[in-house]
PDB file of N, CA and C in Angstrom:
ATOM      1  N   UNK A   1     104.496  81.594 114.447  1.00  0.00           N
ATOM      2  CA  UNK A   1     103.532  81.087 115.375  1.00  0.00           C
ATOM      3  C   UNK A   1     104.047  81.306 116.792  1.00  0.00           C
ATOM      4  N   UNK A   2     103.185  81.823 117.655  1.00  0.00           N
ATOM      5  CA  UNK A   2     103.634  82.130 119.013  1.00  0.00           C
ATOM      6  C   UNK A   2     103.532  80.908 119.907  1.00  0.00           C
ATOM      7  N   UNK A   3     104.415  80.873 120.868  1.00  0.00           N
ATOM      8  CA  UNK A   3     104.430  79.787 121.836  1.00  0.00           C
ATOM      9  C   UNK A   3     103.394  80.062 122.913  1.00  0.00           C
ATOM     10  N   UNK A   4     102.681  79.019 123.325  1.00  0.00           N
ATOM     11  CA  UNK A   4     101.710  79.149 124.412  1.00  0.00           C
ATOM     12  C   UNK A   4     102.283  78.492 125.665  1.00  0.00           C
ATOM     13  N   UNK A   5     101.958  79.106 126.796  1.00  0.00           N
ATOM     14  CA  UNK A   5     102.381  78.510 128.062  1.00  0.00           C
ATOM     15  C   UNK A   5     101.564  77.245 128.298  1.00  0.00           C
ATOM     16  N   UNK A   6     102.019  76.384 129.169  1.00  0.00           N
ATOM     17  CA  UNK A   6     101.256  75.161 129.458  1.00  0.00           C
ATOM     18  C   UNK A   6      99.826  75.465 129.902  1.00  0.00           C
ATOM     19  N   UNK A   7      99.666  76.546 130.670  1.00  0.00           N
ATOM     20  CA  UNK A   7      98.326  76.917 131.134  1.00  0.00           C
ATOM     21  C   UNK A   7      97.452  77.325 129.941  1.00  0.00           C
ATOM     22  N   UNK A   8      98.029  78.133 129.032  1.00  0.00           N
ATOM     23  CA  UNK A   8      97.281  78.560 127.852  1.00  0.00           C
ATOM     24  C   UNK A   8      96.946  77.362 126.965  1.00  0.00           C
ATOM     25  N   UNK A   9      97.915  76.471 126.850  1.00  0.00           N
ATOM     26  CA  UNK A   9      97.703  75.265 126.046  1.00  0.00           C
ATOM     27  C   UNK A   9      96.561  74.440 126.637  1.00  0.00           C
ATOM     28  N   UNK A  10      96.555  74.309 127.949  1.00  0.00           N
ATOM     29  CA  UNK A  10      95.495  73.575 128.639  1.00  0.00           C
ATOM     30  C   UNK A  10      94.142  74.235 128.388  1.00  0.00           C
ATOM     31  N   UNK A  11      94.098  75.566 128.486  1.00  0.00           N
ATOM     32  CA  UNK A  11      92.844  76.293 128.287  1.00  0.00           C
ATOM     33  C   UNK A  11      92.348  76.152 126.843  1.00  0.00           C
ATOM     34  N   UNK A  12      93.265  76.165 125.892  1.00  0.00           N
ATOM     35  CA  UNK A  12      92.877  75.979 124.490  1.00  0.00           C
ATOM     36  C   UNK A  12      92.286  74.583 124.274  1.00  0.00           C
ATOM     37  N   UNK A  13      92.941  73.586 124.839  1.00  0.00           N
ATOM     38  CA  UNK A  13      92.443  72.221 124.717  1.00  0.00           C
ATOM     39  C   UNK A  13      91.082  72.075 125.397  1.00  0.00           C
ATOM     40  N   UNK A  14      90.933  72.717 126.550  1.00  0.00           N
ATOM     41  CA  UNK A  14      89.673  72.670 127.274  1.00  0.00           C
ATOM     42  C   UNK A  14      88.561  73.317 126.447  1.00  0.00           C
ATOM     43  N   UNK A  15      88.858  74.434 125.804  1.00  0.00           N
ATOM     44  CA  UNK A  15      87.868  75.111 124.950  1.00  0.00           C
ATOM     45  C   UNK A  15      87.478  74.205 123.778  1.00  0.00           C
ATOM     46  N   UNK A  16      88.467  73.526 123.183  1.00  0.00           N
ATOM     47  CA  UNK A  16      88.174  72.604 122.088  1.00  0.00           C
ATOM     48  C   UNK A  16      87.247  71.482 122.557  1.00  0.00           C
ATOM     49  N   UNK A  17      87.565  70.944 123.742  1.00  0.00           N
ATOM     50  CA  UNK A  17      86.736  69.879 124.295  1.00  0.00           C
ATOM     51  C   UNK A  17      85.322  70.371 124.583  1.00  0.00           C
ATOM     52  N   UNK A  18      85.200  71.595 125.116  1.00  0.00           N
ATOM     53  CA  UNK A  18      83.883  72.165 125.396  1.00  0.00           C
ATOM     54  C   UNK A  18      83.080  72.335 124.109  1.00  0.00           C
ATOM     55  N   UNK A  19      83.734  72.830 123.066  1.00  0.00           N
ATOM     56  CA  UNK A  19      83.065  73.015 121.786  1.00  0.00           C
ATOM     57  C   UNK A  19      82.623  71.667 121.218  1.00  0.00           C
ATOM     58  N   UNK A  20      83.515  70.697 121.287  1.00  0.00           N
ATOM     59  CA  UNK A  20      83.191  69.356 120.767  1.00  0.00           C
ATOM     60  C   UNK A  20      82.051  68.732 121.568  1.00  0.00           C
ATOM     61  N   UNK A  21      82.055  68.917 122.878  1.00  0.00           N
ATOM     62  CA  UNK A  21      80.983  68.396 123.717  1.00  0.00           C
ATOM     63  C   UNK A  21      79.652  69.044 123.330  1.00  0.00           C
ATOM     64  N   UNK A  22      79.688  70.349 123.092  1.00  0.00           N
ATOM     65  CA  UNK A  22      78.482  71.048 122.648  1.00  0.00           C
ATOM     66  C   UNK A  22      77.964  70.495 121.328  1.00  0.00           C
ATOM     67  N   UNK A  23      78.868  70.221 120.403  1.00  0.00           N
ATOM     68  CA  UNK A  23      78.480  69.645 119.113  1.00  0.00           C
ATOM     69  C   UNK A  23      77.868  68.261 119.302  1.00  0.00           C
ATOM     70  N   UNK A  24      78.473  67.466 120.178  1.00  0.00           N
ATOM     71  CA  UNK A  24      77.959  66.126 120.435  1.00  0.00           C
ATOM     72  C   UNK A  24      76.578  66.173 121.089  1.00  0.00           C
ATOM     73  N   UNK A  25      76.388  67.093 122.020  1.00  0.00           N
ATOM     74  CA  UNK A  25      75.073  67.244 122.656  1.00  0.00           C
ATOM     75  C   UNK A  25      74.021  67.666 121.639  1.00  0.00           C
ATOM     76  N   UNK A  26      74.396  68.560 120.743  1.00  0.00           N
ATOM     77  CA  UNK A  26      73.488  69.007 119.700  1.00  0.00           C
ATOM     78  C   UNK A  26      73.121  67.839 118.777  1.00  0.00           C
ATOM     79  N   UNK A  27      74.117  67.065 118.380  1.00  0.00           N
ATOM     80  CA  UNK A  27      73.883  65.898 117.519  1.00  0.00           C
ATOM     81  C   UNK A  27      73.001  64.878 118.229  1.00  0.00           C
ATOM     82  N   UNK A  28      73.256  64.678 119.503  1.00  0.00           N
ATOM     83  CA  UNK A  28      72.456  63.737 120.287  1.00  0.00           C
ATOM     84  C   UNK A  28      70.993  64.191 120.317  1.00  0.00           C
ATOM     85  N   UNK A  29      70.774  65.475 120.518  1.00  0.00           N
ATOM     86  CA  UNK A  29      69.415  66.012 120.508  1.00  0.00           C
ATOM     87  C   UNK A  29      68.734  65.814 119.168  1.00  0.00           C
ATOM     88  N   UNK A  30      69.474  66.054 118.094  1.00  0.00           N
ATOM     89  CA  UNK A  30      68.916  65.855 116.751  1.00  0.00           C
ATOM     90  C   UNK A  30      68.557  64.385 116.525  1.00  0.00           C
ATOM     91  N   UNK A  31      69.441  63.491 116.949  1.00  0.00           N
ATOM     92  CA  UNK A  31      69.189  62.062 116.770  1.00  0.00           C
ATOM     93  C   UNK A  31      67.988  61.601 117.605  1.00  0.00           C
ATOM     94  N   UNK A  32      67.843  62.122 118.801  1.00  0.00           N
ATOM     95  CA  UNK A  32      66.681  61.777 119.625  1.00  0.00           C
ATOM     96  C   UNK A  32      65.392  62.220 118.945  1.00  0.00           C
ATOM     97  N   UNK A  33      65.384  63.423 118.399  1.00  0.00           N
ATOM     98  CA  UNK A  33      64.198  63.938 117.709  1.00  0.00           C
ATOM     99  C   UNK A  33      63.911  63.116 116.453  1.00  0.00           C
ATOM    100  N   UNK A  34      64.946  62.786 115.705  1.00  0.00           N
ATOM    101  CA  UNK A  34      64.766  61.968 114.506  1.00  0.00           C
ATOM    102  C   UNK A  34      64.232  60.593 114.882  1.00  0.00           C
ATOM    103  N   UNK A  35      64.757  60.017 115.934  1.00  0.00           N
ATOM    104  CA  UNK A  35      64.305  58.710 116.408  1.00  0.00           C
ATOM    105  C   UNK A  35      62.837  58.764 116.821  1.00  0.00           C
ATOM    106  N   UNK A  36      62.450  59.818 117.546  1.00  0.00           N
ATOM    107  CA  UNK A  36      61.060  59.991 117.955  1.00  0.00           C
ATOM    108  C   UNK A  36      60.159  60.084 116.729  1.00  0.00           C
ATOM    109  N   UNK A  37      60.588  60.865 115.752  1.00  0.00           N
ATOM    110  CA  UNK A  37      59.821  61.049 114.531  1.00  0.00           C
ATOM    111  C   UNK A  37      59.689  59.730 113.761  1.00  0.00           C
ATOM    112  N   UNK A  38      60.780  58.992 113.661  1.00  0.00           N
ATOM    113  CA  UNK A  38      60.750  57.709 112.953  1.00  0.00           C
ATOM    114  C   UNK A  38      59.852  56.698 113.660  1.00  0.00           C
ATOM    115  N   UNK A  39      59.888  56.683 114.980  1.00  0.00           N
ATOM    116  CA  UNK A  39      59.016  55.767 115.727  1.00  0.00           C
ATOM    117  C   UNK A  39      57.549  56.134 115.515  1.00  0.00           C
ATOM    118  N   UNK A  40      57.278  57.412 115.505  1.00  0.00           N
ATOM    119  CA  UNK A  40      55.916  57.875 115.266  1.00  0.00           C
ATOM    120  C   UNK A  40      55.453  57.466 113.874  1.00  0.00           C
ATOM    121  N   UNK A  41      56.309  57.665 112.890  1.00  0.00           N
ATOM    122  CA  UNK A  41      55.980  57.287 111.509  1.00  0.00           C
ATOM    123  C   UNK A  41      55.794  55.777 111.399  1.00  0.00           C
ATOM    124  N   UNK A  42      56.636  55.026 112.082  1.00  0.00           N
ATOM    125  CA  UNK A  42      56.510  53.570 112.068  1.00  0.00           C
ATOM    126  C   UNK A  42      55.162  53.148 112.652  1.00  0.00           C
ATOM    127  N   UNK A  43      54.762  53.747 113.772  1.00  0.00           N
ATOM    128  CA  UNK A  43      53.468  53.431 114.380  1.00  0.00           C
ATOM    129  C   UNK A  43      52.329  53.736 113.417  1.00  0.00           C
ATOM    130  N   UNK A  44      52.416  54.888 112.734  1.00  0.00           N
ATOM    131  CA  UNK A  44      51.377  55.263 111.774  1.00  0.00           C
ATOM    132  C   UNK A  44      51.315  54.253 110.631  1.00  0.00           C
ATOM    133  N   UNK A  45      52.465  53.828 110.141  1.00  0.00           N
ATOM    134  CA  UNK A  45      52.497  52.863 109.039  1.00  0.00           C
ATOM    135  C   UNK A  45      51.976  51.497 109.478  1.00  0.00           C
ATOM    136  N   UNK A  46      52.274  51.103 110.694  1.00  0.00           N
ATOM    137  CA  UNK A  46      51.770  49.825 111.211  1.00  0.00           C
ATOM    138  C   UNK A  46      50.249  49.871 111.287  1.00  0.00           C
ATOM    139  N   UNK A  47      49.714  50.996 111.783  1.00  0.00           N
ATOM    140  CA  UNK A  47      48.255  51.139 111.868  1.00  0.00           C
ATOM    141  C   UNK A  47      47.630  51.166 110.475  1.00  0.00           C
ATOM    142  N   UNK A  48      48.264  51.871 109.559  1.00  0.00           N
ATOM    143  CA  UNK A  48      47.756  51.932 108.183  1.00  0.00           C
ATOM    144  C   UNK A  48      47.751  50.535 107.554  1.00  0.00           C
ATOM    145  N   UNK A  49      48.817  49.796 107.778  1.00  0.00           N
ATOM    146  CA  UNK A  49      48.918  48.436 107.230  1.00  0.00           C
ATOM    147  C   UNK A  49      47.819  47.554 107.806  1.00  0.00           C
ATOM    148  N   UNK A  50      47.579  47.660 109.107  1.00  0.00           N
ATOM    149  CA  UNK A  50      46.525  46.850 109.727  1.00  0.00           C
ATOM    150  C   UNK A  50      45.171  47.188 109.108  1.00  0.00           C
ATOM    151  N   UNK A  51      44.911  48.464 108.880  1.00  0.00           N
ATOM    152  CA  UNK A  51      43.658  48.865 108.245  1.00  0.00           C
ATOM    153  C   UNK A  51      43.534  48.332 106.835  1.00  0.00           C
ATOM    154  N   UNK A  52      44.628  48.385 106.085  1.00  0.00           N
ATOM    155  CA  UNK A  52      44.606  47.871 104.713  1.00  0.00           C
ATOM    156  C   UNK A  52      44.412  46.362 104.681  1.00  0.00           C
ATOM    157  N   UNK A  53      45.027  45.658 105.609  1.00  0.00           N
ATOM    158  CA  UNK A  53      44.829  44.207 105.679  1.00  0.00           C
ATOM    159  C   UNK A  53      43.379  43.871 105.996  1.00  0.00           C
ATOM    160  N   UNK A  54      42.782  44.653 106.888  1.00  0.00           N
ATOM    161  CA  UNK A  54      41.381  44.433 107.247  1.00  0.00           C
ATOM    162  C   UNK A  54      40.480  44.694 106.033  1.00  0.00           C
ATOM    163  N   UNK A  55      40.720  45.792 105.332  1.00  0.00           N
ATOM    164  CA  UNK A  55      39.923  46.094 104.137  1.00  0.00           C
ATOM    165  C   UNK A  55      40.105  45.012 103.082  1.00  0.00           C
ATOM    166  N   UNK A  56      41.328  44.541 102.918  1.00  0.00           N
ATOM    167  CA  UNK A  56      41.615  43.483 101.957  1.00  0.00           C
ATOM    168  C   UNK A  56      40.827  42.220 102.301  1.00  0.00           C
ATOM    169  N   UNK A  57      40.774  41.890 103.565  1.00  0.00           N
ATOM    170  CA  UNK A  57      40.036  40.711 104.005  1.00  0.00           C
ATOM    171  C   UNK A  57      38.541  40.891 103.740  1.00  0.00           C
ATOM    172  N   UNK A  58      38.013  42.092 103.975  1.00  0.00           N
ATOM    173  CA  UNK A  58      36.601  42.363 103.716  1.00  0.00           C
ATOM    174  C   UNK A  58      36.286  42.227 102.223  1.00  0.00           C
ATOM    175  N   UNK A  59      37.150  42.766 101.394  1.00  0.00           N
ATOM    176  CA  UNK A  59      36.949  42.685  99.944  1.00  0.00           C
ATOM    177  C   UNK A  59      37.029  41.233  99.486  1.00  0.00           C
ATOM    178  N   UNK A  60      37.989  40.502 100.017  1.00  0.00           N
ATOM    179  CA  UNK A  60      38.120  39.080  99.661  1.00  0.00           C
ATOM    180  C   UNK A  60      36.844  38.330 100.004  1.00  0.00           C
ATOM    181  N   UNK A  61      36.303  38.585 101.194  1.00  0.00           N
ATOM    182  CA  UNK A  61      35.070  37.909 101.612  1.00  0.00           C
ATOM    183  C   UNK A  61      33.908  38.286 100.696  1.00  0.00           C
ATOM    184  N   UNK A  62      33.820  39.542 100.316  1.00  0.00           N
ATOM    185  CA  UNK A  62      32.743  39.977  99.417  1.00  0.00           C
ATOM    186  C   UNK A  62      32.871  39.324  98.043  1.00  0.00           C
ATOM    187  N   UNK A  63      34.084  39.246  97.524  1.00  0.00           N
ATOM    188  CA  UNK A  63      34.307  38.627  96.216  1.00  0.00           C
ATOM    189  C   UNK A  63      33.950  37.145  96.280  1.00  0.00           C
ATOM    190  N   UNK A  64      34.367  36.475  97.338  1.00  0.00           N
ATOM    191  CA  UNK A  64      34.027  35.060  97.487  1.00  0.00           C
ATOM    192  C   UNK A  64      32.517  34.869  97.557  1.00  0.00           C
ATOM    193  N   UNK A  65      31.849  35.777  98.258  1.00  0.00           N
ATOM    194  CA  UNK A  65      30.400  35.714  98.363  1.00  0.00           C
ATOM    195  C   UNK A  65      29.751  35.904  96.996  1.00  0.00           C
ATOM    196  N   UNK A  66      30.242  36.862  96.219  1.00  0.00           N
ATOM    197  CA  UNK A  66      29.703  37.097  94.875  1.00  0.00           C
ATOM    198  C   UNK A  66      29.925  35.878  93.986  1.00  0.00           C
ATOM    199  N   UNK A  67      31.110  35.297  94.084  1.00  0.00           N
ATOM    200  CA  UNK A  67      31.409  34.104  93.295  1.00  0.00           C
ATOM    201  C   UNK A  67      30.446  32.982  93.673  1.00  0.00           C
ATOM    202  N   UNK A  68      30.206  32.833  94.953  1.00  0.00           N
ATOM    203  CA  UNK A  68      29.260  31.810  95.421  1.00  0.00           C
ATOM    204  C   UNK A  68      27.864  32.053  94.883  1.00  0.00           C
ATOM    205  N   UNK A  69      27.416  33.295  94.914  1.00  0.00           N
ATOM    206  CA  UNK A  69      26.082  33.619  94.391  1.00  0.00           C
ATOM    207  C   UNK A  69      26.014  33.361  92.886  1.00  0.00           C
ATOM    208  N   UNK A  70      27.076  33.733  92.163  1.00  0.00           N
ATOM    209  CA  UNK A  70      27.097  33.498  90.714  1.00  0.00           C
ATOM    210  C   UNK A  70      27.042  32.003  90.396  1.00  0.00           C
ATOM    211  N   UNK A  71      27.777  31.216  91.148  1.00  0.00           N
ATOM    212  CA  UNK A  71      27.744  29.770  90.942  1.00  0.00           C
ATOM    213  C   UNK A  71      26.357  29.217  91.226  1.00  0.00           C
ATOM    214  N   UNK A  72      25.730  29.730  92.290  1.00  0.00           N
ATOM    215  CA  UNK A  72      24.388  29.275  92.647  1.00  0.00           C
ATOM    216  C   UNK A  72      23.400  29.649  91.542  1.00  0.00           C
ATOM    217  N   UNK A  73      23.544  30.863  90.998  1.00  0.00           N
ATOM    218  CA  UNK A  73      22.661  31.284  89.900  1.00  0.00           C
ATOM    219  C   UNK A  73      22.890  30.404  88.668  1.00  0.00           C
ATOM    220  N   UNK A  74      24.146  30.068  88.421  1.00  0.00           N
ATOM    221  CA  UNK A  74      24.497  29.258  87.258  1.00  0.00           C
ATOM    222  C   UNK A  74      23.874  27.873  87.362  1.00  0.00           C
ATOM    223  N   UNK A  75      23.911  27.307  88.555  1.00  0.00           N
ATOM    224  CA  UNK A  75      23.354  25.964  88.767  1.00  0.00           C
ATOM    225  C   UNK A  75      21.837  26.004  88.841  1.00  0.00           C
ATOM    226  N   UNK A  76      21.263  27.143  89.191  1.00  0.00           N
ATOM    227  CA  UNK A  76      19.806  27.264  89.320  1.00  0.00           C
ATOM    228  C   UNK A  76      19.111  27.478  87.999  1.00  0.00           C
ATOM    229  N   UNK A  77      19.834  27.892  87.000  1.00  0.00           N
ATOM    230  CA  UNK A  77      19.157  28.167  85.726  1.00  0.00           C
ATOM    231  C   UNK A  77      19.133  27.022  84.787  1.00  0.00           C
TER     232      UNK A  77
END
């Protein structure tokens, strides 16, 4: 293994740091995109859930209404 001068050693370390910084920036970009995507998906799921809750409430009201009509028919006959 060859000996490196202090200047060469410094330059090698600097190159390693530059490469690592590039990797970290790339990872940061990926995480930002993933976070954006997850937030978007979360918003979509929240909206979907609200719609399903609304439909559930409508169905519940209709079933209660039918039950009421059936009871009224039962008492009327």
